[in-house]
Amino acid sequence: EVIRCAITLKLCQHEETGAIVAALTTSIPEAAHSER
């Protein structure tokens, strides 16, 4: 579990600049039909 999470956190880094994104997606709602 730890290895998989570590690999995925590394995938969230844009290596060219070093920035780390909060997630790989946009606009998946926090709850159904919430518009969050």
PDB file of all heavy atoms in Angstrom:
ATOM      1  N   GLU A   1       0.835  -1.201   0.000  1.00  0.00           N
ATOM      2  CA  GLU A   1       0.000   0.000   0.000  1.00  0.00           C
ATOM      3  C   GLU A   1       0.872   1.255   0.000  1.00  0.00           C
ATOM      4  O   GLU A   1       0.602   2.221  -0.726  1.00  0.00           O
ATOM      5  CB  GLU A   1      -0.916   0.000   1.232  1.00  0.00           C
ATOM      6  CG  GLU A   1      -2.001  -1.061   1.199  1.00  0.00           C
ATOM      7  CD  GLU A   1      -1.566  -2.416   1.780  1.00  0.00           C
ATOM      8  OE1 GLU A   1      -0.341  -2.651   1.949  1.00  0.00           O
ATOM      9  OE2 GLU A   1      -2.444  -3.246   2.055  1.00  0.00           O
ATOM     10  N   VAL A   2       1.910   1.257   0.815  1.00  0.00           N
ATOM     11  CA  VAL A   2       2.802   2.418   0.907  1.00  0.00           C
ATOM     12  C   VAL A   2       3.557   2.623  -0.404  1.00  0.00           C
ATOM     13  O   VAL A   2       3.667   3.754  -0.903  1.00  0.00           O
ATOM     14  CB  VAL A   2       3.777   2.254   2.096  1.00  0.00           C
ATOM     15  CG1 VAL A   2       4.902   3.286   2.027  1.00  0.00           C
ATOM     16  CG2 VAL A   2       3.028   2.374   3.419  1.00  0.00           C
ATOM     17  N   ILE A   3       4.050   1.553  -0.988  1.00  0.00           N
ATOM     18  CA  ILE A   3       4.787   1.654  -2.257  1.00  0.00           C
ATOM     19  C   ILE A   3       3.886   2.220  -3.356  1.00  0.00           C
ATOM     20  O   ILE A   3       4.291   3.110  -4.115  1.00  0.00           O
ATOM     21  CB  ILE A   3       5.354   0.271  -2.665  1.00  0.00           C
ATOM     22  CG1 ILE A   3       6.529  -0.098  -1.747  1.00  0.00           C
ATOM     23  CG2 ILE A   3       5.784   0.262  -4.135  1.00  0.00           C
ATOM     24  CD1 ILE A   3       6.990  -1.542  -1.890  1.00  0.00           C
ATOM     25  N   ARG A   4       2.655   1.730  -3.423  1.00  0.00           N
ATOM     26  CA  ARG A   4       1.746   2.212  -4.480  1.00  0.00           C
ATOM     27  C   ARG A   4       1.442   3.695  -4.291  1.00  0.00           C
ATOM     28  O   ARG A   4       1.412   4.454  -5.262  1.00  0.00           O
ATOM     29  CB  ARG A   4       0.456   1.381  -4.462  1.00  0.00           C
ATOM     30  CG  ARG A   4      -0.544   1.733  -5.556  1.00  0.00           C
ATOM     31  CD  ARG A   4       0.048   1.710  -6.946  1.00  0.00           C
ATOM     32  NE  ARG A   4       0.776   0.501  -7.231  1.00  0.00           N
ATOM     33  CZ  ARG A   4       1.670   0.399  -8.211  1.00  0.00           C
ATOM     34  NH1 ARG A   4       1.949   1.439  -8.977  1.00  0.00           N
ATOM     35  NH2 ARG A   4       2.307  -0.743  -8.425  1.00  0.00           N
ATOM     36  N   CYS A   5       1.224   4.108  -3.047  1.00  0.00           N
ATOM     37  CA  CYS A   5       0.952   5.529  -2.789  1.00  0.00           C
ATOM     38  C   CYS A   5       2.178   6.382  -3.100  1.00  0.00           C
ATOM     39  O   CYS A   5       2.043   7.488  -3.641  1.00  0.00           O
ATOM     40  CB  CYS A   5       0.509   5.728  -1.338  1.00  0.00           C
ATOM     41  SG  CYS A   5      -1.139   5.083  -0.999  1.00  0.00           S
ATOM     42  N   ALA A   6       3.359   5.885  -2.781  1.00  0.00           N
ATOM     43  CA  ALA A   6       4.587   6.653  -3.049  1.00  0.00           C
ATOM     44  C   ALA A   6       4.801   6.835  -4.547  1.00  0.00           C
ATOM     45  O   ALA A   6       5.112   7.946  -5.019  1.00  0.00           O
ATOM     46  CB  ALA A   6       5.793   5.945  -2.420  1.00  0.00           C
ATOM     47  N   ILE A   7       4.632   5.767  -5.320  1.00  0.00           N
ATOM     48  CA  ILE A   7       4.772   5.855  -6.782  1.00  0.00           C
ATOM     49  C   ILE A   7       3.783   6.884  -7.330  1.00  0.00           C
ATOM     50  O   ILE A   7       4.132   7.726  -8.169  1.00  0.00           O
ATOM     51  CB  ILE A   7       4.533   4.478  -7.439  1.00  0.00           C
ATOM     52  CG1 ILE A   7       5.715   3.537  -7.174  1.00  0.00           C
ATOM     53  CG2 ILE A   7       4.301   4.616  -8.951  1.00  0.00           C
ATOM     54  CD1 ILE A   7       5.475   2.101  -7.624  1.00  0.00           C
ATOM     55  N   THR A   8       2.560   6.844  -6.835  1.00  0.00           N
ATOM     56  CA  THR A   8       1.517   7.724  -7.365  1.00  0.00           C
ATOM     57  C   THR A   8       1.778   9.176  -6.968  1.00  0.00           C
ATOM     58  O   THR A   8       1.543  10.093  -7.771  1.00  0.00           O
ATOM     59  CB  THR A   8       0.139   7.250  -6.896  1.00  0.00           C
ATOM     60  OG1 THR A   8       0.009   5.845  -7.208  1.00  0.00           O
ATOM     61  CG2 THR A   8      -0.973   8.003  -7.593  1.00  0.00           C
ATOM     62  N   LEU A   9       2.262   9.414  -5.751  1.00  0.00           N
ATOM     63  CA  LEU A   9       2.641  10.778  -5.368  1.00  0.00           C
ATOM     64  C   LEU A   9       3.730  11.302  -6.292  1.00  0.00           C
ATOM     65  O   LEU A   9       3.699  12.468  -6.703  1.00  0.00           O
ATOM     66  CB  LEU A   9       3.121  10.820  -3.913  1.00  0.00           C
ATOM     67  CG  LEU A   9       2.053  10.676  -2.832  1.00  0.00           C
ATOM     68  CD1 LEU A   9       2.691  10.736  -1.447  1.00  0.00           C
ATOM     69  CD2 LEU A   9       0.970  11.734  -2.949  1.00  0.00           C
ATOM     70  N   LYS A  10       4.681  10.458  -6.636  1.00  0.00           N
ATOM     71  CA  LYS A  10       5.739  10.894  -7.554  1.00  0.00           C
ATOM     72  C   LYS A  10       5.170  11.222  -8.935  1.00  0.00           C
ATOM     73  O   LYS A  10       5.603  12.184  -9.579  1.00  0.00           O
ATOM     74  CB  LYS A  10       6.841   9.831  -7.667  1.00  0.00           C
ATOM     75  CG  LYS A  10       8.049  10.292  -8.490  1.00  0.00           C
ATOM     76  CD  LYS A  10       9.212   9.342  -8.350  1.00  0.00           C
ATOM     77  CE  LYS A  10      10.337   9.657  -9.319  1.00  0.00           C
ATOM     78  NZ  LYS A  10      10.967  10.967  -9.098  1.00  0.00           N
ATOM     79  N   LEU A  11       4.155  10.467  -9.370  1.00  0.00           N
ATOM     80  CA  LEU A  11       3.505  10.762 -10.657  1.00  0.00           C
ATOM     81  C   LEU A  11       2.811  12.116 -10.638  1.00  0.00           C
ATOM     82  O   LEU A  11       2.538  12.695 -11.690  1.00  0.00           O
ATOM     83  CB  LEU A  11       2.479   9.680 -11.003  1.00  0.00           C
ATOM     84  CG  LEU A  11       3.003   8.298 -11.374  1.00  0.00           C
ATOM     85  CD1 LEU A  11       1.841   7.368 -11.700  1.00  0.00           C
ATOM     86  CD2 LEU A  11       3.973   8.357 -12.550  1.00  0.00           C
ATOM     87  N   CYS A  12       2.501  12.619  -9.439  1.00  0.00           N
ATOM     88  CA  CYS A  12       1.833  13.922  -9.319  1.00  0.00           C
ATOM     89  C   CYS A  12       2.824  15.080  -9.349  1.00  0.00           C
ATOM     90  O   CYS A  12       2.402  16.241  -9.235  1.00  0.00           O
ATOM     91  CB  CYS A  12       0.992  13.971  -8.036  1.00  0.00           C
ATOM     92  SG  CYS A  12      -0.471  12.912  -8.115  1.00  0.00           S
ATOM     93  N   GLN A  13       4.118  14.784  -9.482  1.00  0.00           N
ATOM     94  CA  GLN A  13       5.102  15.860  -9.631  1.00  0.00           C
ATOM     95  C   GLN A  13       5.354  16.137 -11.110  1.00  0.00           C
ATOM     96  O   GLN A  13       5.551  15.215 -11.903  1.00  0.00           O
ATOM     97  CB  GLN A  13       6.425  15.504  -8.959  1.00  0.00           C
ATOM     98  CG  GLN A  13       7.466  16.627  -9.094  1.00  0.00           C
ATOM     99  CD  GLN A  13       8.651  16.478  -8.157  1.00  0.00           C
ATOM    100  OE1 GLN A  13       9.347  15.467  -8.174  1.00  0.00           O
ATOM    101  NE2 GLN A  13       8.892  17.497  -7.345  1.00  0.00           N
ATOM    102  N   HIS A  14       5.321  17.431 -11.472  1.00  0.00           N
ATOM    103  CA  HIS A  14       5.719  17.845 -12.814  1.00  0.00           C
ATOM    104  C   HIS A  14       7.224  18.088 -12.745  1.00  0.00           C
ATOM    105  O   HIS A  14       7.678  19.132 -12.283  1.00  0.00           O
ATOM    106  CB  HIS A  14       4.974  19.106 -13.245  1.00  0.00           C
ATOM    107  CG  HIS A  14       5.282  19.532 -14.638  1.00  0.00           C
ATOM    108  ND1 HIS A  14       4.887  18.811 -15.746  1.00  0.00           N
ATOM    109  CD2 HIS A  14       5.983  20.594 -15.120  1.00  0.00           C
ATOM    110  CE1 HIS A  14       5.318  19.417 -16.843  1.00  0.00           C
ATOM    111  NE2 HIS A  14       5.981  20.491 -16.484  1.00  0.00           N
ATOM    112  N   GLU A  15       7.981  17.099 -13.189  1.00  0.00           N
ATOM    113  CA  GLU A  15       9.414  17.086 -12.893  1.00  0.00           C
ATOM    114  C   GLU A  15      10.174  18.260 -13.495  1.00  0.00           C
ATOM    115  O   GLU A  15      11.167  18.726 -12.933  1.00  0.00           O
ATOM    116  CB  GLU A  15      10.024  15.769 -13.377  1.00  0.00           C
ATOM    117  CG  GLU A  15      11.447  15.565 -12.904  1.00  0.00           C
ATOM    118  CD  GLU A  15      11.945  14.179 -13.217  1.00  0.00           C
ATOM    119  OE1 GLU A  15      12.035  13.821 -14.404  1.00  0.00           O
ATOM    120  OE2 GLU A  15      12.242  13.448 -12.251  1.00  0.00           O
ATOM    121  N   GLU A  16       9.714  18.748 -14.630  1.00  0.00           N
ATOM    122  CA  GLU A  16      10.403  19.844 -15.301  1.00  0.00           C
ATOM    123  C   GLU A  16      10.615  21.037 -14.365  1.00  0.00           C
ATOM    124  O   GLU A  16      11.670  21.660 -14.366  1.00  0.00           O
ATOM    125  CB  GLU A  16       9.586  20.268 -16.525  1.00  0.00           C
ATOM    126  CG  GLU A  16      10.236  21.345 -17.357  1.00  0.00           C
ATOM    127  CD  GLU A  16       9.372  21.756 -18.535  1.00  0.00           C
ATOM    128  OE1 GLU A  16       8.203  21.304 -18.632  1.00  0.00           O
ATOM    129  OE2 GLU A  16       9.869  22.532 -19.356  1.00  0.00           O
ATOM    130  N   THR A  17       9.601  21.344 -13.540  1.00  0.00           N
ATOM    131  CA  THR A  17       9.692  22.497 -12.633  1.00  0.00           C
ATOM    132  C   THR A  17       9.781  22.089 -11.169  1.00  0.00           C
ATOM    133  O   THR A  17      10.201  22.890 -10.333  1.00  0.00           O
ATOM    134  CB  THR A  17       8.455  23.403 -12.786  1.00  0.00           C
ATOM    135  OG1 THR A  17       7.285  22.652 -12.433  1.00  0.00           O
ATOM    136  CG2 THR A  17       8.333  23.926 -14.207  1.00  0.00           C
ATOM    137  N   GLY A  18       9.356  20.867 -10.841  1.00  0.00           N
ATOM    138  CA  GLY A  18       9.329  20.419  -9.449  1.00  0.00           C
ATOM    139  C   GLY A  18       7.990  20.578  -8.773  1.00  0.00           C
ATOM    140  O   GLY A  18       7.795  20.133  -7.637  1.00  0.00           O
ATOM    141  N   ALA A  19       7.021  21.220  -9.451  1.00  0.00           N
ATOM    142  CA  ALA A  19       5.688  21.424  -8.858  1.00  0.00           C
ATOM    143  C   ALA A  19       4.998  20.084  -8.607  1.00  0.00           C
ATOM    144  O   ALA A  19       5.229  19.106  -9.322  1.00  0.00           O
ATOM    145  CB  ALA A  19       4.840  22.274  -9.793  1.00  0.00           C
ATOM    146  N   ILE A  20       4.133  20.061  -7.597  1.00  0.00           N
ATOM    147  CA  ILE A  20       3.357  18.859  -7.281  1.00  0.00           C
ATOM    148  C   ILE A  20       1.883  19.238  -7.327  1.00  0.00           C
ATOM    149  O   ILE A  20       1.457  20.182  -6.655  1.00  0.00           O
ATOM    150  CB  ILE A  20       3.713  18.325  -5.881  1.00  0.00           C
ATOM    151  CG1 ILE A  20       5.198  17.930  -5.828  1.00  0.00           C
ATOM    152  CG2 ILE A  20       2.837  17.126  -5.511  1.00  0.00           C
ATOM    153  CD1 ILE A  20       5.723  17.705  -4.426  1.00  0.00           C
ATOM    154  N   VAL A  21       1.108  18.520  -8.136  1.00  0.00           N
ATOM    155  CA  VAL A  21      -0.316  18.859  -8.247  1.00  0.00           C
ATOM    156  C   VAL A  21      -1.111  18.122  -7.170  1.00  0.00           C
ATOM    157  O   VAL A  21      -0.697  17.075  -6.672  1.00  0.00           O
ATOM    158  CB  VAL A  21      -0.883  18.544  -9.650  1.00  0.00           C
ATOM    159  CG1 VAL A  21      -0.214  19.417 -10.698  1.00  0.00           C
ATOM    160  CG2 VAL A  21      -0.739  17.064 -10.002  1.00  0.00           C
ATOM    161  N   ALA A  22      -2.275  18.691  -6.812  1.00  0.00           N
ATOM    162  CA  ALA A  22      -3.109  18.102  -5.764  1.00  0.00           C
ATOM    163  C   ALA A  22      -3.773  16.808  -6.229  1.00  0.00           C
ATOM    164  O   ALA A  22      -4.023  15.907  -5.433  1.00  0.00           O
ATOM    165  CB  ALA A  22      -4.169  19.100  -5.312  1.00  0.00           C
ATOM    166  N   ALA A  23      -4.076  16.710  -7.522  1.00  0.00           N
ATOM    167  CA  ALA A  23      -4.659  15.500  -8.115  1.00  0.00           C
ATOM    168  C   ALA A  23      -4.460  15.585  -9.624  1.00  0.00           C
ATOM    169  O   ALA A  23      -4.096  16.642 -10.154  1.00  0.00           O
ATOM    170  CB  ALA A  23      -6.148  15.370  -7.766  1.00  0.00           C
ATOM    171  N   LEU A  24      -4.721  14.479 -10.315  1.00  0.00           N
ATOM    172  CA  LEU A  24      -4.514  14.443 -11.768  1.00  0.00           C
ATOM    173  C   LEU A  24      -5.758  14.860 -12.548  1.00  0.00           C
ATOM    174  O   LEU A  24      -5.720  14.926 -13.771  1.00  0.00           O
ATOM    175  CB  LEU A  24      -4.086  13.030 -12.194  1.00  0.00           C
ATOM    176  CG  LEU A  24      -2.765  12.531 -11.587  1.00  0.00           C
ATOM    177  CD1 LEU A  24      -2.489  11.099 -12.036  1.00  0.00           C
ATOM    178  CD2 LEU A  24      -1.595  13.440 -11.963  1.00  0.00           C
ATOM    179  N   THR A  25      -6.861  15.141 -11.828  1.00  0.00           N
ATOM    180  CA  THR A  25      -8.136  15.409 -12.513  1.00  0.00           C
ATOM    181  C   THR A  25      -8.708  16.773 -12.141  1.00  0.00           C
ATOM    182  O   THR A  25      -8.256  17.432 -11.211  1.00  0.00           O
ATOM    183  CB  THR A  25      -9.184  14.344 -12.147  1.00  0.00           C
ATOM    184  OG1 THR A  25      -9.349  14.330 -10.726  1.00  0.00           O
ATOM    185  CG2 THR A  25      -8.779  12.967 -12.631  1.00  0.00           C
ATOM    186  N   THR A  26      -9.740  17.132 -12.868  1.00  0.00           N
ATOM    187  CA  THR A  26     -10.573  18.283 -12.529  1.00  0.00           C
ATOM    188  C   THR A  26     -12.026  17.833 -12.430  1.00  0.00           C
ATOM    189  O   THR A  26     -12.448  16.891 -13.121  1.00  0.00           O
ATOM    190  CB  THR A  26     -10.459  19.411 -13.576  1.00  0.00           C
ATOM    191  OG1 THR A  26     -11.371  20.457 -13.228  1.00  0.00           O
ATOM    192  CG2 THR A  26     -10.796  18.937 -14.985  1.00  0.00           C
ATOM    193  N   SER A  27     -12.781  18.494 -11.562  1.00  0.00           N
ATOM    194  CA  SER A  27     -14.259  18.472 -11.599  1.00  0.00           C
ATOM    195  C   SER A  27     -14.930  17.149 -11.287  1.00  0.00           C
ATOM    196  O   SER A  27     -16.084  16.940 -11.657  1.00  0.00           O
ATOM    197  CB  SER A  27     -14.750  18.978 -12.965  1.00  0.00           C
ATOM    198  OG  SER A  27     -14.217  20.262 -13.209  1.00  0.00           O
ATOM    199  N   ILE A  28     -14.240  16.224 -10.604  1.00  0.00           N
ATOM    200  CA  ILE A  28     -14.973  15.075 -10.066  1.00  0.00           C
ATOM    201  C   ILE A  28     -15.686  15.591  -8.816  1.00  0.00           C
ATOM    202  O   ILE A  28     -15.025  16.084  -7.900  1.00  0.00           O
ATOM    203  CB  ILE A  28     -14.030  13.916  -9.691  1.00  0.00           C
ATOM    204  CG1 ILE A  28     -13.066  13.626 -10.828  1.00  0.00           C
ATOM    205  CG2 ILE A  28     -14.832  12.694  -9.253  1.00  0.00           C
ATOM    206  CD1 ILE A  28     -13.367  12.540 -11.750  1.00  0.00           C
ATOM    207  N   PRO A  29     -17.011  15.545  -8.724  1.00  0.00           N
ATOM    208  CA  PRO A  29     -17.722  16.186  -7.611  1.00  0.00           C
ATOM    209  C   PRO A  29     -17.334  15.592  -6.252  1.00  0.00           C
ATOM    210  O   PRO A  29     -17.062  14.393  -6.147  1.00  0.00           O
ATOM    211  CB  PRO A  29     -19.195  15.904  -7.915  1.00  0.00           C
ATOM    212  CG  PRO A  29     -19.249  15.416  -9.320  1.00  0.00           C
ATOM    213  CD  PRO A  29     -17.920  14.842  -9.645  1.00  0.00           C
ATOM    214  N   GLU A  30     -17.347  16.442  -5.223  1.00  0.00           N
ATOM    215  CA  GLU A  30     -17.080  15.963  -3.865  1.00  0.00           C
ATOM    216  C   GLU A  30     -18.248  15.142  -3.335  1.00  0.00           C
ATOM    217  O   GLU A  30     -18.094  14.354  -2.394  1.00  0.00           O
ATOM    218  CB  GLU A  30     -16.803  17.141  -2.928  1.00  0.00           C
ATOM    219  CG  GLU A  30     -15.501  17.860  -3.262  1.00  0.00           C
ATOM    220  CD  GLU A  30     -15.249  19.065  -2.375  1.00  0.00           C
ATOM    221  OE1 GLU A  30     -15.881  19.163  -1.297  1.00  0.00           O
ATOM    222  OE2 GLU A  30     -14.418  19.904  -2.746  1.00  0.00           O
ATOM    223  N   ALA A  31     -19.414  15.352  -3.894  1.00  0.00           N
ATOM    224  CA  ALA A  31     -20.601  14.552  -3.589  1.00  0.00           C
ATOM    225  C   ALA A  31     -21.518  14.662  -4.805  1.00  0.00           C
ATOM    226  O   ALA A  31     -21.415  15.610  -5.589  1.00  0.00           O
ATOM    227  CB  ALA A  31     -21.301  15.076  -2.340  1.00  0.00           C
ATOM    228  N   ALA A  32     -22.390  13.692  -4.968  1.00  0.00           N
ATOM    229  CA  ALA A  32     -23.261  13.656  -6.148  1.00  0.00           C
ATOM    230  C   ALA A  32     -24.071  14.950  -6.274  1.00  0.00           C
ATOM    231  O   ALA A  32     -24.677  15.418  -5.308  1.00  0.00           O
ATOM    232  CB  ALA A  32     -24.205  12.454  -6.069  1.00  0.00           C
ATOM    233  N   HIS A  33     -24.051  15.526  -7.471  1.00  0.00           N
ATOM    234  CA  HIS A  33     -24.847  16.722  -7.801  1.00  0.00           C
ATOM    235  C   HIS A  33     -24.598  17.900  -6.854  1.00  0.00           C
ATOM    236  O   HIS A  33     -25.463  18.748  -6.672  1.00  0.00           O
ATOM    237  CB  HIS A  33     -26.351  16.380  -7.810  1.00  0.00           C
ATOM    238  CG  HIS A  33     -26.695  15.264  -8.740  1.00  0.00           C
ATOM    239  ND1 HIS A  33     -26.691  15.407 -10.117  1.00  0.00           N
ATOM    240  CD2 HIS A  33     -27.015  13.966  -8.492  1.00  0.00           C
ATOM    241  CE1 HIS A  33     -27.023  14.246 -10.671  1.00  0.00           C
ATOM    242  NE2 HIS A  33     -27.217  13.359  -9.714  1.00  0.00           N
ATOM    243  N   SER A  34     -23.405  17.961  -6.267  1.00  0.00           N
ATOM    244  CA  SER A  34     -23.120  19.018  -5.286  1.00  0.00           C
ATOM    245  C   SER A  34     -22.585  20.292  -5.931  1.00  0.00           C
ATOM    246  O   SER A  34     -22.574  21.346  -5.303  1.00  0.00           O
ATOM    247  CB  SER A  34     -22.071  18.516  -4.286  1.00  0.00           C
ATOM    248  OG  SER A  34     -20.840  18.273  -4.956  1.00  0.00           O
ATOM    249  N   GLU A  35     -22.120  20.183  -7.185  1.00  0.00           N
ATOM    250  CA  GLU A  35     -21.429  21.269  -7.885  1.00  0.00           C
ATOM    251  C   GLU A  35     -20.144  21.691  -7.174  1.00  0.00           C
ATOM    252  O   GLU A  35     -19.545  22.715  -7.500  1.00  0.00           O
ATOM    253  CB  GLU A  35     -22.343  22.475  -8.124  1.00  0.00           C
ATOM    254  CG  GLU A  35     -23.475  22.153  -9.086  1.00  0.00           C
ATOM    255  CD  GLU A  35     -24.175  23.380  -9.643  1.00  0.00           C
ATOM    256  OE1 GLU A  35     -23.613  24.486  -9.548  1.00  0.00           O
ATOM    257  OE2 GLU A  35     -25.281  23.215 -10.191  1.00  0.00           O
ATOM    258  N   ARG A  36     -19.710  20.890  -6.186  1.00  0.00           N
ATOM    259  CA  ARG A  36     -18.386  21.112  -5.590  1.00  0.00           C
ATOM    260  C   ARG A  36     -17.382  20.438  -6.524  1.00  0.00           C
ATOM    261  O   ARG A  36     -16.792  19.407  -6.197  1.00  0.00           O
ATOM    262  CB  ARG A  36     -18.307  20.489  -4.195  1.00  0.00           C
ATOM    263  CG  ARG A  36     -19.257  21.072  -3.152  1.00  0.00           C
ATOM    264  CD  ARG A  36     -19.127  20.271  -1.858  1.00  0.00           C
ATOM    265  NE  ARG A  36     -20.126  20.599  -0.860  1.00  0.00           N
ATOM    266  CZ  ARG A  36     -19.916  21.402   0.190  1.00  0.00           C
ATOM    267  NH1 ARG A  36     -18.748  21.972   0.357  1.00  0.00           N
ATOM    268  NH2 ARG A  36     -20.871  21.631   1.074  1.00  0.00           N
TER     269      ARG A  36
END
